[in-house]
Amino acid sequence: MKLLVCGGAGFIGSNFVRLRVRDHGDDVVVLDKLTYAGRRENLHDTLDQVRFVHGAIEDPDAVADAIEGVDAVVNFAAETHVDRSIADPDAFLRTNAIGTYVLLEAARAAGVRFLQVSTDEVYGSIEEGSFTEESPLQPSSPYSATKTGADLLVASYFHTYGLETVICRGSNNYGPYQYPEKLIPLMVLNALHGDKLPVYGDGMQVRNWLYVEDFGRGIGHALAHGAPGEVYNCGGPDECPNIEVVERIVSLTGNDASLIEHVTDRPGHDRRYSLSSEKLRALGWEAQVHFAEGLEQTVAWYRENAWWWEPIRSGDYREYYERQYGRALG
């Protein structure tokens, strides 16, 4: 296939691009505006095998350049960090909502299949059981609200215009190339440097952890086999409270639990996410990496790839971290 992968220089997008080039031999066009979390370094071993277009999905000219001749659009492009959406929702509205609209218009004009990469956070929090694709959408942050709006817009283009759309909602991803504002890379890099490990509240927020390549394979199944107009949940095989994740990272990095520091919980923090993936499994997908194995691999990757994260920890990220947690990195 010839794919337009929007946000293909981000964490999940770059891992998807690598997977498609390596395992499927796809002809890939990457459209990315290279924000703080979208970096050419994420595609360092793949960039010479793709066509790269530097631009934003909310820019119709950039989208028109990138979409020419493709068979399908896969949209990863999004502002994703909940903390940043609470502090400044504007960028989330522009990229997640307006950007998706621009892409949909371009896909409709080109007559190509459109896959929207979404999140379990559109469902809100669930105390027990798991969300299915029929569960009500109850977003609780500006981030999840803008992703919900984008999902509804995608659904409307199927129902109104007959655009061949599919939505794939993933649970919490982890793995290589994830920007260290997110829980796992933040804790890994802080632990490797002997910095405090800031845990929100009591740390008993439960997440359904999904290794990033498993999500990439799930998206590939939904793209190839999903029925137009349908939604497919892609959940990880294991659930784990945040505090246990941090404790495992402490152990894997050879550190002491005294580094763990409970900090004020963030506003509106969802308590638990859990996805049922039966519908996607019926298409032939199954998660291959359990959390214990995937976390060990992820810690090892960050330990061995200082070239990737050193420029981040020495740059603007330090200022963001100090604003967010009220202390400087060591």
Protein backbone atom coordinates (compact mmCIF):
# COMPACT_ATOMS: atom_id res chain seq x y z
CA MET A 1 0.00 0.00 0.00
CA LYS A 2 0.92 3.63 -0.32
CA LEU A 3 0.09 5.25 3.03
CA LEU A 4 -0.03 8.83 4.22
CA VAL A 5 0.92 8.64 7.90
CA CYS A 6 0.12 11.91 9.64
CA GLY A 7 2.10 12.49 12.80
CA GLY A 8 4.55 9.84 11.62
CA ALA A 9 7.48 11.44 13.44
CA GLY A 10 5.77 11.12 16.84
CA PHE A 11 6.06 8.25 19.29
CA ILE A 12 3.32 5.89 18.09
CA GLY A 13 3.43 7.14 14.50
CA SER A 14 7.17 6.55 14.05
CA ASN A 15 6.90 3.04 15.47
CA PHE A 16 4.02 2.37 13.05
CA VAL A 17 6.02 3.70 10.09
CA ARG A 18 8.97 1.50 11.03
CA LEU A 19 6.67 -1.52 11.33
CA ARG A 20 4.99 -0.93 7.96
CA VAL A 21 8.25 -0.35 6.08
CA ARG A 22 10.02 -3.28 7.74
CA ASP A 23 7.26 -5.90 7.76
CA HIS A 24 4.99 -4.88 4.88
CA GLY A 25 7.20 -2.99 2.43
CA ASP A 26 4.67 -0.16 2.26
CA ASP A 27 5.36 3.05 0.36
CA VAL A 28 4.97 5.64 3.13
CA VAL A 29 4.55 9.40 3.07
CA VAL A 30 5.04 11.01 6.50
CA LEU A 31 3.38 14.35 7.23
CA ASP A 32 4.56 15.92 10.49
CA LYS A 33 5.01 19.49 11.73
CA LEU A 34 7.83 18.43 14.08
CA THR A 35 6.57 19.78 17.38
CA TYR A 36 8.51 19.14 20.59
CA ALA A 37 7.40 15.47 20.58
CA GLY A 38 7.56 14.90 16.81
CA ARG A 39 11.23 14.53 15.95
CA ARG A 40 13.22 13.41 12.91
CA GLU A 41 15.34 11.39 15.34
CA ASN A 42 12.33 9.12 15.88
CA LEU A 43 12.70 8.02 12.24
CA HIS A 44 16.51 7.98 12.18
CA ASP A 45 16.68 4.43 10.79
CA THR A 46 13.71 4.82 8.41
CA LEU A 47 13.81 8.38 7.10
CA ASP A 48 15.66 7.42 3.92
CA GLN A 49 12.94 4.88 3.11
CA VAL A 50 9.96 7.28 3.26
CA ARG A 51 8.91 10.57 1.74
CA PHE A 52 8.84 13.21 4.46
CA VAL A 53 6.61 16.30 4.24
CA HIS A 54 7.13 18.95 6.90
CA GLY A 55 3.74 20.46 7.63
CA ALA A 56 0.70 20.57 9.90
CA ILE A 57 -2.51 18.62 9.35
CA GLU A 58 -4.45 21.86 9.85
CA ASP A 59 -2.66 23.32 6.78
CA PRO A 60 -4.68 22.40 3.64
CA ASP A 61 -1.74 23.06 1.32
CA ALA A 62 0.59 20.72 3.21
CA VAL A 63 -2.10 18.05 3.30
CA ALA A 64 -2.80 18.41 -0.44
CA ASP A 65 0.92 17.93 -1.18
CA ALA A 66 1.20 14.87 1.04
CA ILE A 67 -2.00 13.04 0.09
CA GLU A 68 -1.44 12.89 -3.66
CA GLY A 69 -1.47 9.32 -4.95
CA VAL A 70 -1.93 7.50 -1.63
CA ASP A 71 -4.29 4.58 -0.99
CA ALA A 72 -5.12 5.43 2.62
CA VAL A 73 -4.58 8.02 5.35
CA VAL A 74 -3.63 6.99 8.90
CA ASN A 75 -3.93 9.90 11.30
CA PHE A 76 -1.73 9.83 14.40
CA ALA A 77 -1.21 13.59 14.41
CA ALA A 78 -2.40 15.01 17.71
CA GLU A 79 -1.46 16.92 20.80
CA THR A 80 -1.67 14.16 23.40
CA HIS A 81 -0.43 15.13 26.85
CA VAL A 82 -3.28 15.66 29.32
CA ASP A 83 -1.24 17.95 31.59
CA ARG A 84 -0.47 20.27 28.70
CA SER A 85 -4.12 20.28 27.60
CA ILE A 86 -5.15 21.44 31.07
CA ALA A 87 -2.59 24.27 31.01
CA ASP A 88 -3.21 25.35 27.38
CA PRO A 89 -6.12 23.73 25.46
CA ASP A 90 -5.74 25.92 22.35
CA ALA A 91 -3.20 23.78 20.49
CA PHE A 92 -5.32 20.69 21.18
CA LEU A 93 -8.37 22.25 19.55
CA ARG A 94 -6.42 23.35 16.49
CA THR A 95 -4.61 20.08 15.84
CA ASN A 96 -6.96 17.43 17.17
CA ALA A 97 -10.25 18.89 15.93
CA ILE A 98 -9.57 21.33 13.09
CA GLY A 99 -6.65 19.29 11.79
CA THR A 100 -8.80 16.18 11.59
CA TYR A 101 -11.43 18.14 9.66
CA VAL A 102 -8.82 19.31 7.11
CA LEU A 103 -7.62 15.73 6.65
CA LEU A 104 -11.15 14.41 6.22
CA GLU A 105 -11.89 16.98 3.54
CA ALA A 106 -8.71 16.02 1.68
CA ALA A 107 -9.46 12.29 2.00
CA ARG A 108 -13.00 12.87 0.73
CA ALA A 109 -11.70 14.78 -2.30
CA ALA A 110 -9.14 12.05 -3.01
CA GLY A 111 -11.59 9.19 -2.36
CA VAL A 112 -9.21 7.27 -0.07
CA ARG A 113 -9.70 5.19 3.07
CA PHE A 114 -9.22 7.08 6.34
CA LEU A 115 -8.15 5.58 9.67
CA GLN A 116 -8.35 7.76 12.77
CA VAL A 117 -6.04 6.77 15.62
CA SER A 118 -7.86 7.48 18.87
CA THR A 119 -7.64 6.75 22.58
CA ASP A 120 -9.42 4.96 25.40
CA GLU A 121 -9.65 8.33 27.16
CA VAL A 122 -12.69 9.26 25.06
CA TYR A 123 -14.71 6.87 27.25
CA GLY A 124 -13.67 8.48 30.54
CA SER A 125 -13.05 6.40 33.66
CA ILE A 126 -14.51 2.97 34.49
CA GLU A 127 -14.46 1.42 37.98
CA GLU A 128 -14.91 -2.20 36.90
CA GLY A 129 -15.26 -4.13 33.68
CA SER A 130 -14.06 -2.85 30.32
CA PHE A 131 -15.26 -0.36 27.74
CA THR A 132 -16.63 -1.72 24.47
CA GLU A 133 -17.07 0.19 21.24
CA GLU A 134 -20.70 0.80 22.22
CA SER A 135 -19.84 2.48 25.55
CA PRO A 136 -20.84 6.14 25.87
CA LEU A 137 -18.20 8.78 25.23
CA GLN A 138 -17.49 10.76 28.40
CA PRO A 139 -14.20 12.63 28.03
CA SER A 140 -12.87 14.39 31.12
CA SER A 141 -9.96 16.56 29.92
CA PRO A 142 -9.47 19.04 27.07
CA TYR A 143 -7.25 16.42 25.41
CA SER A 144 -9.84 13.64 25.50
CA ALA A 145 -12.64 16.06 24.60
CA THR A 146 -10.85 17.15 21.43
CA LYS A 147 -10.14 13.52 20.52
CA THR A 148 -13.80 12.70 21.10
CA GLY A 149 -14.82 15.58 18.85
CA ALA A 150 -12.47 14.31 16.17
CA ASP A 151 -13.91 10.78 16.43
CA LEU A 152 -17.45 12.10 16.04
CA LEU A 153 -16.39 14.17 13.05
CA VAL A 154 -14.83 11.09 11.44
CA ALA A 155 -18.05 9.13 12.03
CA SER A 156 -20.07 11.95 10.49
CA TYR A 157 -18.01 11.81 7.29
CA PHE A 158 -18.88 8.13 6.92
CA HIS A 159 -22.59 8.68 7.53
CA THR A 160 -22.94 11.95 5.60
CA TYR A 161 -20.51 11.57 2.71
CA GLY A 162 -19.87 7.84 2.54
CA LEU A 163 -16.14 8.29 3.21
CA GLU A 164 -14.58 4.92 4.04
CA THR A 165 -13.52 5.57 7.63
CA VAL A 166 -12.30 3.40 10.52
CA ILE A 167 -11.50 4.47 14.09
CA CYS A 168 -9.00 2.53 16.22
CA ARG A 169 -8.88 3.41 19.94
CA GLY A 170 -5.78 2.33 21.83
CA SER A 171 -5.08 1.98 25.53
CA ASN A 172 -1.97 3.47 27.19
CA ASN A 173 1.00 2.89 24.89
CA TYR A 174 4.61 2.54 25.99
CA GLY A 175 7.89 1.64 24.32
CA PRO A 176 10.87 3.25 22.51
CA TYR A 177 10.87 6.89 21.35
CA GLN A 178 8.19 8.10 23.80
CA TYR A 179 8.72 11.70 24.90
CA PRO A 180 9.60 11.81 28.62
CA GLU A 181 6.61 13.85 29.76
CA LYS A 182 4.66 10.56 29.79
CA LEU A 183 4.72 8.32 32.87
CA ILE A 184 7.05 5.48 31.87
CA PRO A 185 9.86 7.38 30.09
CA LEU A 186 9.68 10.16 32.69
CA MET A 187 10.17 7.69 35.51
CA VAL A 188 12.84 5.69 33.68
CA LEU A 189 14.99 8.73 32.89
CA ASN A 190 14.53 10.26 36.33
CA ALA A 191 15.49 6.95 37.93
CA LEU A 192 18.59 6.64 35.72
CA HIS A 193 19.65 10.11 36.87
CA GLY A 194 18.73 9.68 40.54
CA ASP A 195 15.99 12.33 40.33
CA LYS A 196 12.77 12.13 42.33
CA LEU A 197 9.92 10.14 40.78
CA PRO A 198 6.78 12.34 41.01
CA VAL A 199 3.66 10.16 41.38
CA TYR A 200 0.25 11.85 41.16
CA GLY A 201 -1.92 11.39 44.25
CA ASP A 202 -1.89 7.89 45.74
CA GLY A 203 -0.67 6.37 42.46
CA MET A 204 -3.56 3.90 42.34
CA GLN A 205 -4.78 5.07 38.92
CA VAL A 206 -5.04 1.88 36.85
CA ARG A 207 -4.01 1.78 33.20
CA ASN A 208 -4.33 -0.89 30.51
CA TRP A 209 -0.76 -1.05 29.13
CA LEU A 210 -0.18 -1.75 25.42
CA TYR A 211 3.26 -2.14 23.84
CA VAL A 212 3.56 0.30 20.95
CA GLU A 213 4.28 -2.31 18.26
CA ASP A 214 1.21 -4.28 19.35
CA PHE A 215 -0.85 -1.13 18.78
CA GLY A 216 0.78 -0.68 15.38
CA ARG A 217 -0.23 -4.20 14.42
CA GLY A 218 -3.75 -3.56 15.70
CA ILE A 219 -4.03 -0.43 13.58
CA GLY A 220 -2.79 -2.42 10.59
CA HIS A 221 -5.51 -5.04 11.14
CA ALA A 222 -8.19 -2.36 11.43
CA LEU A 223 -6.92 -0.64 8.29
CA ALA A 224 -6.81 -3.83 6.22
CA HIS A 225 -9.84 -5.70 7.55
CA GLY A 226 -12.03 -3.24 9.46
CA ALA A 227 -15.51 -2.53 8.14
CA PRO A 228 -16.12 1.05 6.96
CA GLY A 229 -17.76 3.21 9.60
CA GLU A 230 -16.72 0.94 12.47
CA VAL A 231 -14.75 1.54 15.68
CA TYR A 232 -12.22 -0.97 17.01
CA ASN A 233 -10.77 -0.94 20.52
CA CYS A 234 -7.15 -2.04 20.89
CA GLY A 235 -6.36 -2.74 24.54
CA GLY A 236 -3.26 -4.10 26.19
CA PRO A 237 -3.08 -7.55 27.82
CA ASP A 238 -2.32 -6.27 31.34
CA GLU A 239 -3.62 -3.67 33.80
CA CYS A 240 -1.42 -2.11 36.43
CA PRO A 241 -1.68 0.79 38.92
CA ASN A 242 0.72 3.66 38.27
CA ILE A 243 2.48 3.20 41.60
CA GLU A 244 3.27 -0.41 40.73
CA VAL A 245 4.65 0.68 37.35
CA VAL A 246 6.96 3.12 39.12
CA GLU A 247 8.05 0.50 41.65
CA ARG A 248 8.91 -1.90 38.82
CA ILE A 249 10.97 0.82 37.13
CA VAL A 250 12.81 1.47 40.40
CA SER A 251 13.69 -2.23 40.54
CA LEU A 252 14.70 -2.48 36.86
CA THR A 253 17.00 0.55 37.15
CA GLY A 254 18.60 -0.69 40.38
CA ASN A 255 17.34 2.25 42.42
CA ASP A 256 15.72 2.73 45.81
CA ALA A 257 12.02 3.34 46.48
CA SER A 258 13.00 6.46 48.45
CA LEU A 259 13.11 8.25 45.07
CA ILE A 260 9.30 7.98 44.84
CA GLU A 261 7.58 11.24 45.75
CA HIS A 262 3.79 11.58 45.87
CA VAL A 263 2.68 14.96 44.48
CA THR A 264 -0.65 16.74 44.17
CA ASP A 265 -2.95 14.86 41.82
CA ARG A 266 -3.84 16.50 38.53
CA PRO A 267 -7.34 17.95 38.08
CA GLY A 268 -9.96 15.49 36.80
CA HIS A 269 -7.57 12.55 36.84
CA ASP A 270 -9.37 9.44 35.52
CA ARG A 271 -9.10 6.56 37.97
CA ARG A 272 -9.13 3.54 35.66
CA TYR A 273 -9.12 2.74 31.94
CA SER A 274 -9.84 -0.69 30.49
CA LEU A 275 -10.68 -1.72 26.93
CA SER A 276 -12.37 -4.82 25.56
CA SER A 277 -10.67 -5.77 22.28
CA GLU A 278 -12.90 -8.67 21.25
CA LYS A 279 -14.01 -6.93 18.08
CA LEU A 280 -10.42 -6.40 16.90
CA ARG A 281 -9.42 -9.92 17.91
CA ALA A 282 -12.13 -11.19 15.58
CA LEU A 283 -10.10 -9.62 12.74
CA GLY A 284 -7.09 -11.72 13.74
CA TRP A 285 -5.20 -9.36 16.07
CA GLU A 286 -3.76 -10.35 19.42
CA ALA A 287 -1.37 -8.48 21.72
CA GLN A 288 2.00 -10.26 21.71
CA VAL A 289 3.92 -8.43 24.44
CA HIS A 290 2.95 -8.66 28.11
CA PHE A 291 3.72 -5.73 30.37
CA ALA A 292 6.56 -7.29 32.38
CA GLU A 293 8.47 -8.17 29.20
CA GLY A 294 7.66 -4.91 27.42
CA LEU A 295 8.65 -2.74 30.38
CA GLU A 296 11.98 -4.53 30.71
CA GLN A 297 12.64 -3.97 26.99
CA THR A 298 11.62 -0.32 27.27
CA VAL A 299 13.88 0.39 30.25
CA ALA A 300 16.76 -1.26 28.39
CA TRP A 301 16.09 0.87 25.29
CA TYR A 302 16.24 4.14 27.24
CA ARG A 303 19.35 2.98 29.08
CA GLU A 304 21.09 2.20 25.77
CA ASN A 305 19.95 5.22 23.72
CA ALA A 306 21.17 8.31 25.52
CA TRP A 307 21.83 9.89 22.11
CA TRP A 308 18.05 10.13 21.69
CA TRP A 309 17.04 11.56 25.07
CA GLU A 310 20.04 13.68 26.10
CA PRO A 311 19.08 16.61 23.80
CA ILE A 312 15.56 16.53 25.27
CA ARG A 313 16.61 16.62 28.92
CA SER A 314 19.04 19.46 28.23
CA GLY A 315 16.50 21.61 26.34
CA ASP A 316 13.06 23.17 26.80
CA TYR A 317 11.88 20.04 28.57
CA ARG A 318 13.77 21.14 31.70
CA GLU A 319 11.68 24.33 31.91
CA TYR A 320 8.44 22.39 31.33
CA TYR A 321 9.39 19.89 34.06
CA GLU A 322 10.14 22.60 36.60
CA ARG A 323 6.81 24.37 35.88
CA GLN A 324 4.90 21.10 36.12
CA TYR A 325 6.49 19.60 39.22
CA GLY A 326 7.92 22.61 41.06
CA ARG A 327 11.48 21.27 41.12
CA ALA A 328 14.42 21.25 38.74
CA LEU A 329 15.86 18.11 37.20
CA GLY A 330 19.17 17.06 38.71
